[in-house]
Amino acid sequence: MANDSKITVLDANGVPVHLDAENFDYAGEARLQERVQLGDRMASGTISSASAPDNAVEIDCQGAAVVTYEWTAGLTGTRVVEATVDGSTWFSVRVYSETSSAFFSSTTSAAANRGFFVAAAWLKVRIRCSVFTSGSAVLRLLARQAGSAIIRQDSLPAGNNLIGTVGVQVAPGVDWLPVAGDVLGSPIPVTQTGELPAGTQRIGKITSEPEIEYVWVNGVRLQVKWAEINAATGADRQVVAAVGSKKIRVIGIDFTPSAAGTVTWKSASTVKRNAQSHLASTPFVRECRSGFYVETNVGEALNVNVSAGSLVGALAYVEV
């Protein structure tokens, strides 16, 4: 696996921040520190009882916009989704299940499930086993931070404040002003700077776009893209389609196998990462601050082959 790439990321204001591959220190504006400290967070655990500490997984969602959840199959009992605003009093909240395409606040289904819910109003959220019958399940929560950056500045002083000048033409077209030696005068455009007229005036436009993540690889800024992993045992399963004249480079990955076995990553049919062993229902997470997890050949799809059970998760990649 190559690991000689240097990566630079952009903060919320577009300022390049250089990551050190040795200790992940960075040089940049101090304002980025709060964004990092309140960044994406993950919590996981195995639910195997109705009694603490094996009955719930909770996560701090301060600064987060959305919390995604995922649990594996195998637990027979009742699971409830709860939130708190003071850290001590918990109450039921509704979440959206992508598995069943429906909202719920509690469920007795023993099947695997995943989805998301808005978390901006809560201090913490948790998924708890309120009634336990048998079995166990691995549960993961991921709190994703809000995408917008807020910059605090001093307020304007009291009184009238000039926030810009507006060019106002005295009359449409031109105005006639006398010119020495020309009694009739010559057409000379006349403009002046003054106050806007009374009423509602549009002085500019504001546009916004969805937050896009980028990384810098060898001096080139590349957009980070995401792909879902949902592969069953048997034949090779495509995860990312081929991109003409580009390699698919995986820089982050998160998946959970349903059964113990091996996972092989391929560029089309060529093995790139062979027979990696994984335990059943055990999450595997890898974030590559320098280098990559796996990379395809130019113009070839990224495929995965699972020796047993199934594989679900997601990965982040760039096209190089």
C-alpha atoms as a PDB file:
ATOM      1  CA  MET A   1       0.000   0.000   0.000  1.00  0.00           C
ATOM      2  CA  ALA A   2       1.412   3.368  -1.017  1.00  0.00           C
ATOM      3  CA  ASN A   3       1.671   5.891   1.770  1.00  0.00           C
ATOM      4  CA  ASP A   4       3.752   8.740   0.338  1.00  0.00           C
ATOM      5  CA  SER A   5       0.869  11.115  -0.499  1.00  0.00           C
ATOM      6  CA  LYS A   6       0.631  14.354   1.430  1.00  0.00           C
ATOM      7  CA  ILE A   7      -2.903  15.479   2.197  1.00  0.00           C
ATOM      8  CA  THR A   8      -4.153  19.000   2.815  1.00  0.00           C
ATOM      9  CA  VAL A   9      -7.783  19.727   3.713  1.00  0.00           C
ATOM     10  CA  LEU A  10      -9.757  22.969   3.579  1.00  0.00           C
ATOM     11  CA  ASP A  11     -11.455  24.471   6.608  1.00  0.00           C
ATOM     12  CA  ALA A  12     -14.955  26.028   6.450  1.00  0.00           C
ATOM     13  CA  ASN A  13     -13.514  29.271   5.033  1.00  0.00           C
ATOM     14  CA  GLY A  14     -11.474  27.617   2.287  1.00  0.00           C
ATOM     15  CA  VAL A  15      -8.143  27.994   4.090  1.00  0.00           C
ATOM     16  CA  PRO A  16      -5.749  25.068   3.393  1.00  0.00           C
ATOM     17  CA  VAL A  17      -4.820  23.153   6.565  1.00  0.00           C
ATOM     18  CA  HIS A  18      -1.775  20.894   6.319  1.00  0.00           C
ATOM     19  CA  LEU A  19      -1.972  17.530   8.088  1.00  0.00           C
ATOM     20  CA  ASP A  20       1.242  15.991   9.438  1.00  0.00           C
ATOM     21  CA  ALA A  21       1.306  12.243   8.729  1.00  0.00           C
ATOM     22  CA  GLU A  22       3.361  11.549  11.871  1.00  0.00           C
ATOM     23  CA  ASN A  23       1.118  12.972  14.584  1.00  0.00           C
ATOM     24  CA  PHE A  24      -1.793  14.600  12.701  1.00  0.00           C
ATOM     25  CA  ASP A  25      -0.838  18.086  14.013  1.00  0.00           C
ATOM     26  CA  TYR A  26      -1.773  20.889  11.657  1.00  0.00           C
ATOM     27  CA  ALA A  27      -0.865  24.471  10.914  1.00  0.00           C
ATOM     28  CA  GLY A  28      -3.717  26.888  10.298  1.00  0.00           C
ATOM     29  CA  GLU A  29      -6.095  29.378  11.824  1.00  0.00           C
ATOM     30  CA  ALA A  30      -7.016  28.986  15.503  1.00  0.00           C
ATOM     31  CA  ARG A  31     -10.684  29.098  14.583  1.00  0.00           C
ATOM     32  CA  LEU A  32     -10.371  25.642  13.029  1.00  0.00           C
ATOM     33  CA  GLN A  33      -9.736  24.094  16.448  1.00  0.00           C
ATOM     34  CA  GLU A  34     -13.364  24.457  17.530  1.00  0.00           C
ATOM     35  CA  ARG A  35     -14.552  22.889  14.276  1.00  0.00           C
ATOM     36  CA  VAL A  36     -12.253  19.901  14.816  1.00  0.00           C
ATOM     37  CA  GLN A  37     -13.228  19.472  18.471  1.00  0.00           C
ATOM     38  CA  LEU A  38     -16.932  19.559  17.592  1.00  0.00           C
ATOM     39  CA  GLY A  39     -16.486  17.458  14.455  1.00  0.00           C
ATOM     40  CA  ASP A  40     -17.946  14.098  13.489  1.00  0.00           C
ATOM     41  CA  ARG A  41     -18.093  11.622  16.377  1.00  0.00           C
ATOM     42  CA  MET A  42     -18.813   7.884  16.543  1.00  0.00           C
ATOM     43  CA  ALA A  43     -19.979   5.635  19.373  1.00  0.00           C
ATOM     44  CA  SER A  44     -20.457   1.866  19.187  1.00  0.00           C
ATOM     45  CA  GLY A  45     -21.122  -1.113  21.424  1.00  0.00           C
ATOM     46  CA  THR A  46     -22.734  -4.526  21.712  1.00  0.00           C
ATOM     47  CA  ILE A  47     -26.263  -4.653  23.152  1.00  0.00           C
ATOM     48  CA  SER A  48     -26.756  -7.904  25.058  1.00  0.00           C
ATOM     49  CA  SER A  49     -28.881  -7.047  28.088  1.00  0.00           C
ATOM     50  CA  ALA A  50     -31.628  -4.785  29.425  1.00  0.00           C
ATOM     51  CA  SER A  51     -29.323  -3.653  32.245  1.00  0.00           C
ATOM     52  CA  ALA A  52     -26.509  -1.088  32.141  1.00  0.00           C
ATOM     53  CA  PRO A  53     -23.870  -0.953  30.840  1.00  0.00           C
ATOM     54  CA  ASP A  54     -24.766  -3.473  28.119  1.00  0.00           C
ATOM     55  CA  ASN A  55     -28.208  -2.109  27.283  1.00  0.00           C
ATOM     56  CA  ALA A  56     -27.509   1.159  25.428  1.00  0.00           C
ATOM     57  CA  VAL A  57     -25.162   3.174  23.231  1.00  0.00           C
ATOM     58  CA  GLU A  58     -25.288   6.972  23.578  1.00  0.00           C
ATOM     59  CA  ILE A  59     -23.518   9.850  21.846  1.00  0.00           C
ATOM     60  CA  ASP A  60     -22.934  13.542  22.486  1.00  0.00           C
ATOM     61  CA  CYS A  61     -24.564  15.447  19.612  1.00  0.00           C
ATOM     62  CA  GLN A  62     -23.553  19.034  20.478  1.00  0.00           C
ATOM     63  CA  GLY A  63     -22.744  20.831  17.235  1.00  0.00           C
ATOM     64  CA  ALA A  64     -24.139  17.922  15.184  1.00  0.00           C
ATOM     65  CA  ALA A  65     -26.876  18.306  12.600  1.00  0.00           C
ATOM     66  CA  VAL A  66     -27.708  14.629  11.999  1.00  0.00           C
ATOM     67  CA  VAL A  67     -27.085  11.333  13.790  1.00  0.00           C
ATOM     68  CA  THR A  68     -27.035   8.156  11.719  1.00  0.00           C
ATOM     69  CA  TYR A  69     -27.480   4.739  13.311  1.00  0.00           C
ATOM     70  CA  GLU A  70     -26.933   1.118  12.337  1.00  0.00           C
ATOM     71  CA  TRP A  71     -27.416  -2.134  14.230  1.00  0.00           C
ATOM     72  CA  THR A  72     -26.859  -5.736  13.223  1.00  0.00           C
ATOM     73  CA  ALA A  73     -29.354  -8.573  13.381  1.00  0.00           C
ATOM     74  CA  GLY A  74     -29.520 -10.992  16.305  1.00  0.00           C
ATOM     75  CA  LEU A  75     -31.113  -9.213  19.281  1.00  0.00           C
ATOM     76  CA  THR A  76     -34.595 -10.290  20.318  1.00  0.00           C
ATOM     77  CA  GLY A  77     -36.220  -7.606  22.446  1.00  0.00           C
ATOM     78  CA  THR A  78     -37.401  -4.008  22.341  1.00  0.00           C
ATOM     79  CA  ARG A  79     -35.169  -1.119  21.284  1.00  0.00           C
ATOM     80  CA  VAL A  80     -36.132   2.502  22.020  1.00  0.00           C
ATOM     81  CA  VAL A  81     -34.655   5.769  20.733  1.00  0.00           C
ATOM     82  CA  GLU A  82     -34.256   8.505  23.357  1.00  0.00           C
ATOM     83  CA  ALA A  83     -32.795  12.015  23.724  1.00  0.00           C
ATOM     84  CA  THR A  84     -31.969  14.415  26.550  1.00  0.00           C
ATOM     85  CA  VAL A  85     -31.464  18.179  26.810  1.00  0.00           C
ATOM     86  CA  ASP A  86     -30.056  18.230  30.354  1.00  0.00           C
ATOM     87  CA  GLY A  87     -28.078  14.970  30.483  1.00  0.00           C
ATOM     88  CA  SER A  88     -30.358  13.288  33.040  1.00  0.00           C
ATOM     89  CA  THR A  89     -33.983  13.245  31.822  1.00  0.00           C
ATOM     90  CA  TRP A  90     -34.477  11.055  28.771  1.00  0.00           C
ATOM     91  CA  PHE A  91     -37.537  11.052  26.506  1.00  0.00           C
ATOM     92  CA  SER A  92     -38.626   9.181  23.383  1.00  0.00           C
ATOM     93  CA  VAL A  93     -37.877  10.603  19.898  1.00  0.00           C
ATOM     94  CA  ARG A  94     -38.727   9.434  16.388  1.00  0.00           C
ATOM     95  CA  VAL A  95     -36.120   8.369  13.826  1.00  0.00           C
ATOM     96  CA  TYR A  96     -36.346   7.524  10.131  1.00  0.00           C
ATOM     97  CA  SER A  97     -35.404   3.995   9.110  1.00  0.00           C
ATOM     98  CA  GLU A  98     -33.870   3.673   5.643  1.00  0.00           C
ATOM     99  CA  THR A  99     -34.337  -0.090   5.966  1.00  0.00           C
ATOM    100  CA  SER A 100     -38.142   0.053   6.353  1.00  0.00           C
ATOM    101  CA  SER A 101     -38.722   3.563   4.878  1.00  0.00           C
ATOM    102  CA  ALA A 102     -40.740   4.571   7.946  1.00  0.00           C
ATOM    103  CA  PHE A 103     -40.483   6.550  11.186  1.00  0.00           C
ATOM    104  CA  PHE A 104     -40.413   4.827  14.579  1.00  0.00           C
ATOM    105  CA  SER A 105     -39.471   5.476  18.204  1.00  0.00           C
ATOM    106  CA  SER A 106     -39.329   1.836  19.335  1.00  0.00           C
ATOM    107  CA  THR A 107     -39.149  -1.533  17.606  1.00  0.00           C
ATOM    108  CA  THR A 108     -39.187  -5.241  18.439  1.00  0.00           C
ATOM    109  CA  SER A 109     -37.751  -6.346  15.087  1.00  0.00           C
ATOM    110  CA  ALA A 110     -34.658  -8.555  15.374  1.00  0.00           C
ATOM    111  CA  ALA A 111     -33.514  -7.684  11.847  1.00  0.00           C
ATOM    112  CA  ALA A 112     -30.625  -5.396  10.960  1.00  0.00           C
ATOM    113  CA  ASN A 113     -31.631  -1.751  10.628  1.00  0.00           C
ATOM    114  CA  ARG A 114     -30.133   1.618   9.773  1.00  0.00           C
ATOM    115  CA  GLY A 115     -31.326   5.211   9.349  1.00  0.00           C
ATOM    116  CA  PHE A 116     -30.948   8.736  10.708  1.00  0.00           C
ATOM    117  CA  PHE A 117     -32.565  11.544  12.699  1.00  0.00           C
ATOM    118  CA  VAL A 118     -32.121  15.271  13.207  1.00  0.00           C
ATOM    119  CA  ALA A 119     -30.097  15.897  16.365  1.00  0.00           C
ATOM    120  CA  ALA A 120     -29.484  19.655  16.465  1.00  0.00           C
ATOM    121  CA  ALA A 121     -31.979  20.193  19.340  1.00  0.00           C
ATOM    122  CA  TRP A 122     -30.554  17.582  21.738  1.00  0.00           C
ATOM    123  CA  LEU A 123     -27.587  17.368  24.096  1.00  0.00           C
ATOM    124  CA  LYS A 124     -27.269  13.570  23.787  1.00  0.00           C
ATOM    125  CA  VAL A 125     -29.134  10.733  22.098  1.00  0.00           C
ATOM    126  CA  ARG A 126     -29.108   7.004  22.719  1.00  0.00           C
ATOM    127  CA  ILE A 127     -30.604   3.731  21.523  1.00  0.00           C
ATOM    128  CA  ARG A 128     -31.478   1.469  24.451  1.00  0.00           C
ATOM    129  CA  CYS A 129     -32.737  -2.077  24.933  1.00  0.00           C
ATOM    130  CA  SER A 130     -35.753  -1.666  27.243  1.00  0.00           C
ATOM    131  CA  VAL A 131     -36.894  -5.316  27.105  1.00  0.00           C
ATOM    132  CA  PHE A 132     -34.337  -8.086  26.542  1.00  0.00           C
ATOM    133  CA  THR A 133     -35.218 -11.633  25.505  1.00  0.00           C
ATOM    134  CA  SER A 134     -32.123 -13.141  23.921  1.00  0.00           C
ATOM    135  CA  GLY A 135     -29.188 -12.636  21.556  1.00  0.00           C
ATOM    136  CA  SER A 136     -27.067  -9.534  20.923  1.00  0.00           C
ATOM    137  CA  ALA A 137     -26.503  -6.844  18.304  1.00  0.00           C
ATOM    138  CA  VAL A 138     -23.711  -4.405  17.426  1.00  0.00           C
ATOM    139  CA  LEU A 139     -24.925  -0.793  17.447  1.00  0.00           C
ATOM    140  CA  ARG A 140     -23.139   2.220  15.978  1.00  0.00           C
ATOM    141  CA  LEU A 141     -24.052   5.926  16.160  1.00  0.00           C
ATOM    142  CA  LEU A 142     -22.385   8.637  14.050  1.00  0.00           C
ATOM    143  CA  ALA A 143     -22.966  12.331  14.839  1.00  0.00           C
ATOM    144  CA  ARG A 144     -22.285  14.493  11.772  1.00  0.00           C
ATOM    145  CA  GLN A 145     -21.441  18.133  12.437  1.00  0.00           C
ATOM    146  CA  ALA A 146     -23.396  21.002  10.907  1.00  0.00           C
ATOM    147  CA  GLY A 147     -21.963  22.098   7.576  1.00  0.00           C
ATOM    148  CA  SER A 148     -22.094  25.869   7.985  1.00  0.00           C
ATOM    149  CA  ALA A 149     -19.356  27.906   9.645  1.00  0.00           C
ATOM    150  CA  ILE A 150     -20.278  30.839  11.896  1.00  0.00           C
ATOM    151  CA  ILE A 151     -17.812  33.721  12.264  1.00  0.00           C
ATOM    152  CA  ARG A 152     -18.356  36.086  15.168  1.00  0.00           C
ATOM    153  CA  GLN A 153     -17.512  39.760  14.609  1.00  0.00           C
ATOM    154  CA  ASP A 154     -17.985  42.973  16.597  1.00  0.00           C
ATOM    155  CA  SER A 155     -21.326  44.761  16.179  1.00  0.00           C
ATOM    156  CA  LEU A 156     -21.611  48.082  14.336  1.00  0.00           C
ATOM    157  CA  PRO A 157     -21.351  51.191  16.527  1.00  0.00           C
ATOM    158  CA  ALA A 158     -24.450  53.237  17.333  1.00  0.00           C
ATOM    159  CA  GLY A 159     -25.598  55.766  14.744  1.00  0.00           C
ATOM    160  CA  ASN A 160     -25.460  55.768  10.952  1.00  0.00           C
ATOM    161  CA  ASN A 161     -22.874  53.485   9.384  1.00  0.00           C
ATOM    162  CA  LEU A 162     -21.687  53.600   5.789  1.00  0.00           C
ATOM    163  CA  ILE A 163     -21.573  50.004   4.541  1.00  0.00           C
ATOM    164  CA  GLY A 164     -20.878  50.795   0.903  1.00  0.00           C
ATOM    165  CA  THR A 165     -21.335  53.369  -1.832  1.00  0.00           C
ATOM    166  CA  VAL A 166     -23.907  53.273  -4.617  1.00  0.00           C
ATOM    167  CA  GLY A 167     -23.407  54.869  -8.009  1.00  0.00           C
ATOM    168  CA  VAL A 168     -26.591  56.726  -9.007  1.00  0.00           C
ATOM    169  CA  GLN A 169     -26.962  58.132 -12.496  1.00  0.00           C
ATOM    170  CA  VAL A 170     -28.599  61.572 -12.462  1.00  0.00           C
ATOM    171  CA  ALA A 171     -30.694  60.847 -15.559  1.00  0.00           C
ATOM    172  CA  PRO A 172     -30.932  57.956 -17.980  1.00  0.00           C
ATOM    173  CA  GLY A 173     -28.379  58.148 -20.766  1.00  0.00           C
ATOM    174  CA  VAL A 174     -26.392  61.388 -20.541  1.00  0.00           C
ATOM    175  CA  ASP A 175     -26.759  64.893 -19.189  1.00  0.00           C
ATOM    176  CA  TRP A 176     -25.770  68.086 -21.024  1.00  0.00           C
ATOM    177  CA  LEU A 177     -23.138  70.219 -19.333  1.00  0.00           C
ATOM    178  CA  PRO A 178     -21.617  73.367 -20.811  1.00  0.00           C
ATOM    179  CA  VAL A 179     -18.075  73.119 -22.090  1.00  0.00           C
ATOM    180  CA  ALA A 180     -15.772  76.088 -22.655  1.00  0.00           C
ATOM    181  CA  GLY A 181     -15.899  77.245 -26.296  1.00  0.00           C
ATOM    182  CA  ASP A 182     -19.099  75.306 -26.955  1.00  0.00           C
ATOM    183  CA  VAL A 183     -22.222  77.343 -26.271  1.00  0.00           C
ATOM    184  CA  LEU A 184     -24.555  74.463 -26.914  1.00  0.00           C
ATOM    185  CA  GLY A 185     -22.567  72.144 -24.724  1.00  0.00           C
ATOM    186  CA  SER A 186     -21.519  68.543 -25.297  1.00  0.00           C
ATOM    187  CA  PRO A 187     -23.041  65.256 -24.067  1.00  0.00           C
ATOM    188  CA  ILE A 188     -21.111  64.229 -20.955  1.00  0.00           C
ATOM    189  CA  PRO A 189     -22.237  61.261 -18.772  1.00  0.00           C
ATOM    190  CA  VAL A 190     -22.839  62.434 -15.218  1.00  0.00           C
ATOM    191  CA  THR A 191     -22.957  60.116 -12.191  1.00  0.00           C
ATOM    192  CA  GLN A 192     -22.869  60.815  -8.484  1.00  0.00           C
ATOM    193  CA  THR A 193     -22.607  58.810  -5.283  1.00  0.00           C
ATOM    194  CA  GLY A 194     -25.528  59.168  -2.917  1.00  0.00           C
ATOM    195  CA  GLU A 195     -28.069  57.439  -0.757  1.00  0.00           C
ATOM    196  CA  LEU A 196     -30.435  54.801  -2.056  1.00  0.00           C
ATOM    197  CA  PRO A 197     -33.974  56.024  -2.701  1.00  0.00           C
ATOM    198  CA  ALA A 198     -36.743  55.139  -0.276  1.00  0.00           C
ATOM    199  CA  GLY A 199     -38.313  51.711  -0.541  1.00  0.00           C
ATOM    200  CA  THR A 200     -36.956  48.205  -0.895  1.00  0.00           C
ATOM    201  CA  GLN A 201     -33.706  48.009  -2.848  1.00  0.00           C
ATOM    202  CA  ARG A 202     -31.813  44.910  -3.906  1.00  0.00           C
ATOM    203  CA  ILE A 203     -28.119  45.554  -3.335  1.00  0.00           C
ATOM    204  CA  GLY A 204     -26.803  42.075  -4.064  1.00  0.00           C
ATOM    205  CA  LYS A 205     -27.506  38.385  -4.289  1.00  0.00           C
ATOM    206  CA  ILE A 206     -26.659  35.580  -1.912  1.00  0.00           C
ATOM    207  CA  THR A 207     -26.190  32.057  -3.172  1.00  0.00           C
ATOM    208  CA  SER A 208     -25.510  28.855  -1.280  1.00  0.00           C
ATOM    209  CA  GLU A 209     -24.610  25.327  -2.260  1.00  0.00           C
ATOM    210  CA  PRO A 210     -24.386  21.970  -0.445  1.00  0.00           C
ATOM    211  CA  GLU A 211     -21.192  21.471   1.528  1.00  0.00           C
ATOM    212  CA  ILE A 212     -18.582  19.642  -0.541  1.00  0.00           C
ATOM    213  CA  GLU A 213     -15.531  18.059   1.024  1.00  0.00           C
ATOM    214  CA  TYR A 214     -12.133  18.208  -0.657  1.00  0.00           C
ATOM    215  CA  VAL A 215      -8.655  16.841  -0.030  1.00  0.00           C
ATOM    216  CA  TRP A 216      -5.329  17.881  -1.500  1.00  0.00           C
ATOM    217  CA  VAL A 217      -3.270  15.079  -3.044  1.00  0.00           C
ATOM    218  CA  ASN A 218       0.160  15.938  -4.417  1.00  0.00           C
ATOM    219  CA  GLY A 219      -0.844  19.583  -4.871  1.00  0.00           C
ATOM    220  CA  VAL A 220      -4.168  18.817  -6.590  1.00  0.00           C
ATOM    221  CA  ARG A 221      -7.534  19.528  -4.931  1.00  0.00           C
ATOM    222  CA  LEU A 222      -9.861  16.525  -5.286  1.00  0.00           C
ATOM    223  CA  GLN A 223     -13.536  16.201  -4.320  1.00  0.00           C
ATOM    224  CA  VAL A 224     -14.311  13.473  -1.788  1.00  0.00           C
ATOM    225  CA  LYS A 225     -17.090  11.161  -2.968  1.00  0.00           C
ATOM    226  CA  TRP A 226     -19.047   8.490  -1.074  1.00  0.00           C
ATOM    227  CA  ALA A 227     -20.308   5.030  -1.973  1.00  0.00           C
ATOM    228  CA  GLU A 228     -22.479   2.496  -0.149  1.00  0.00           C
ATOM    229  CA  ILE A 229     -21.190  -1.004   0.518  1.00  0.00           C
ATOM    230  CA  ASN A 230     -23.896  -3.690   0.322  1.00  0.00           C
ATOM    231  CA  ALA A 231     -22.400  -6.976  -0.850  1.00  0.00           C
ATOM    232  CA  ALA A 232     -23.547 -10.587  -0.480  1.00  0.00           C
ATOM    233  CA  THR A 233     -21.326 -13.658  -0.608  1.00  0.00           C
ATOM    234  CA  GLY A 234     -20.553 -15.328  -3.904  1.00  0.00           C
ATOM    235  CA  ALA A 235     -19.517 -13.386  -6.990  1.00  0.00           C
ATOM    236  CA  ASP A 236     -17.634 -10.087  -7.142  1.00  0.00           C
ATOM    237  CA  ARG A 237     -19.892  -7.129  -6.235  1.00  0.00           C
ATOM    238  CA  GLN A 238     -19.336  -3.658  -7.705  1.00  0.00           C
ATOM    239  CA  VAL A 239     -18.988  -0.872  -5.130  1.00  0.00           C
ATOM    240  CA  VAL A 240     -17.854   2.031  -7.350  1.00  0.00           C
ATOM    241  CA  ALA A 241     -18.333   2.102 -11.122  1.00  0.00           C
ATOM    242  CA  ALA A 242     -15.332   2.623 -13.392  1.00  0.00           C
ATOM    243  CA  VAL A 243     -14.357   6.212 -14.239  1.00  0.00           C
ATOM    244  CA  GLY A 244     -12.681   6.789 -17.598  1.00  0.00           C
ATOM    245  CA  SER A 245      -8.962   7.666 -17.369  1.00  0.00           C
ATOM    246  CA  LYS A 246      -9.174   7.762 -13.540  1.00  0.00           C
ATOM    247  CA  LYS A 247      -8.155   5.552 -10.621  1.00  0.00           C
ATOM    248  CA  ILE A 248     -10.559   5.061  -7.705  1.00  0.00           C
ATOM    249  CA  ARG A 249      -8.592   5.686  -4.481  1.00  0.00           C
ATOM    250  CA  VAL A 250     -10.300   4.737  -1.193  1.00  0.00           C
ATOM    251  CA  ILE A 251      -9.238   7.103   1.636  1.00  0.00           C
ATOM    252  CA  GLY A 252     -11.748   6.015   4.303  1.00  0.00           C
ATOM    253  CA  ILE A 253     -13.873   2.941   4.911  1.00  0.00           C
ATOM    254  CA  ASP A 254     -16.412   1.664   7.444  1.00  0.00           C
ATOM    255  CA  PHE A 255     -18.137  -1.722   7.169  1.00  0.00           C
ATOM    256  CA  THR A 256     -19.504  -4.597   9.244  1.00  0.00           C
ATOM    257  CA  PRO A 257     -19.536  -8.235   8.036  1.00  0.00           C
ATOM    258  CA  SER A 258     -22.489 -10.388   9.107  1.00  0.00           C
ATOM    259  CA  ALA A 259     -20.353 -13.543   9.349  1.00  0.00           C
ATOM    260  CA  ALA A 260     -16.726 -14.400  10.012  1.00  0.00           C
ATOM    261  CA  GLY A 261     -14.710 -14.725   6.829  1.00  0.00           C
ATOM    262  CA  THR A 262     -12.482 -12.855   4.395  1.00  0.00           C
ATOM    263  CA  VAL A 263     -12.987  -9.738   2.292  1.00  0.00           C
ATOM    264  CA  THR A 264     -11.080  -9.243  -0.974  1.00  0.00           C
ATOM    265  CA  TRP A 265     -10.956  -5.895  -2.812  1.00  0.00           C
ATOM    266  CA  LYS A 266     -10.400  -5.894  -6.576  1.00  0.00           C
ATOM    267  CA  SER A 267      -9.776  -3.563  -9.483  1.00  0.00           C
ATOM    268  CA  ALA A 268     -12.246  -5.143 -11.922  1.00  0.00           C
ATOM    269  CA  SER A 269     -10.994  -8.763 -11.637  1.00  0.00           C
ATOM    270  CA  THR A 270      -7.454  -7.947 -10.441  1.00  0.00           C
ATOM    271  CA  VAL A 271      -6.908  -8.526  -6.701  1.00  0.00           C
ATOM    272  CA  LYS A 272      -5.663  -5.387  -4.937  1.00  0.00           C
ATOM    273  CA  ARG A 273      -6.186  -6.290  -1.256  1.00  0.00           C
ATOM    274  CA  ASN A 274      -6.405 -10.027  -0.772  1.00  0.00           C
ATOM    275  CA  ALA A 275      -8.453 -12.063   1.724  1.00  0.00           C
ATOM    276  CA  GLN A 276      -8.520  -9.757   4.741  1.00  0.00           C
ATOM    277  CA  SER A 277      -9.955 -11.688   7.702  1.00  0.00           C
ATOM    278  CA  HIS A 278     -12.803 -10.153   9.713  1.00  0.00           C
ATOM    279  CA  LEU A 279     -14.924 -11.306  12.653  1.00  0.00           C
ATOM    280  CA  ALA A 280     -18.702 -11.572  12.509  1.00  0.00           C
ATOM    281  CA  SER A 281     -20.676  -8.417  13.457  1.00  0.00           C
ATOM    282  CA  THR A 282     -17.461  -6.517  14.222  1.00  0.00           C
ATOM    283  CA  PRO A 283     -17.196  -3.018  12.713  1.00  0.00           C
ATOM    284  CA  PHE A 284     -14.086  -2.228  10.701  1.00  0.00           C
ATOM    285  CA  VAL A 285     -13.177   1.467  10.386  1.00  0.00           C
ATOM    286  CA  ARG A 286     -10.110   2.874   8.634  1.00  0.00           C
ATOM    287  CA  GLU A 287      -9.384   6.563   7.919  1.00  0.00           C
ATOM    288  CA  CYS A 288      -6.287   7.144   5.804  1.00  0.00           C
ATOM    289  CA  ARG A 289      -4.736  10.468   6.766  1.00  0.00           C
ATOM    290  CA  SER A 290      -1.816   9.667   4.481  1.00  0.00           C
ATOM    291  CA  GLY A 291      -1.978   7.222   1.587  1.00  0.00           C
ATOM    292  CA  PHE A 292      -5.012   5.063   0.892  1.00  0.00           C
ATOM    293  CA  TYR A 293      -6.713   1.799   1.813  1.00  0.00           C
ATOM    294  CA  VAL A 294      -7.064   0.399  -1.709  1.00  0.00           C
ATOM    295  CA  GLU A 295      -6.760   1.797  -5.254  1.00  0.00           C
ATOM    296  CA  THR A 296      -7.930   0.535  -8.655  1.00  0.00           C
ATOM    297  CA  ASN A 297      -6.170   0.572 -11.983  1.00  0.00           C
ATOM    298  CA  VAL A 298      -7.000   3.398 -14.402  1.00  0.00           C
ATOM    299  CA  GLY A 299     -10.499   3.090 -15.853  1.00  0.00           C
ATOM    300  CA  GLU A 300     -11.529   0.052 -13.773  1.00  0.00           C
ATOM    301  CA  ALA A 301     -14.372  -0.461 -11.276  1.00  0.00           C
ATOM    302  CA  LEU A 302     -13.840  -1.136  -7.565  1.00  0.00           C
ATOM    303  CA  ASN A 303     -15.252  -4.565  -6.665  1.00  0.00           C
ATOM    304  CA  VAL A 304     -15.462  -6.569  -3.452  1.00  0.00           C
ATOM    305  CA  ASN A 305     -15.757 -10.302  -2.825  1.00  0.00           C
ATOM    306  CA  VAL A 306     -17.085 -11.636   0.494  1.00  0.00           C
ATOM    307  CA  SER A 307     -16.348 -15.239   1.471  1.00  0.00           C
ATOM    308  CA  ALA A 308     -19.283 -15.602   3.898  1.00  0.00           C
ATOM    309  CA  GLY A 309     -22.425 -13.735   4.891  1.00  0.00           C
ATOM    310  CA  SER A 310     -22.829 -10.163   3.724  1.00  0.00           C
ATOM    311  CA  LEU A 311     -21.057  -6.811   4.038  1.00  0.00           C
ATOM    312  CA  VAL A 312     -22.702  -3.435   4.708  1.00  0.00           C
ATOM    313  CA  GLY A 313     -21.137  -0.020   5.203  1.00  0.00           C
ATOM    314  CA  ALA A 314     -19.761   2.952   3.274  1.00  0.00           C
ATOM    315  CA  LEU A 315     -16.482   4.284   1.914  1.00  0.00           C
ATOM    316  CA  ALA A 316     -14.981   7.641   0.922  1.00  0.00           C
ATOM    317  CA  TYR A 317     -12.925   7.899  -2.260  1.00  0.00           C
ATOM    318  CA  VAL A 318     -11.319  10.309  -4.704  1.00  0.00           C
ATOM    319  CA  GLU A 319     -10.703   9.993  -8.435  1.00  0.00           C
ATOM    320  CA  VAL A 320      -7.024  10.453  -9.329  1.00  0.00           C
END
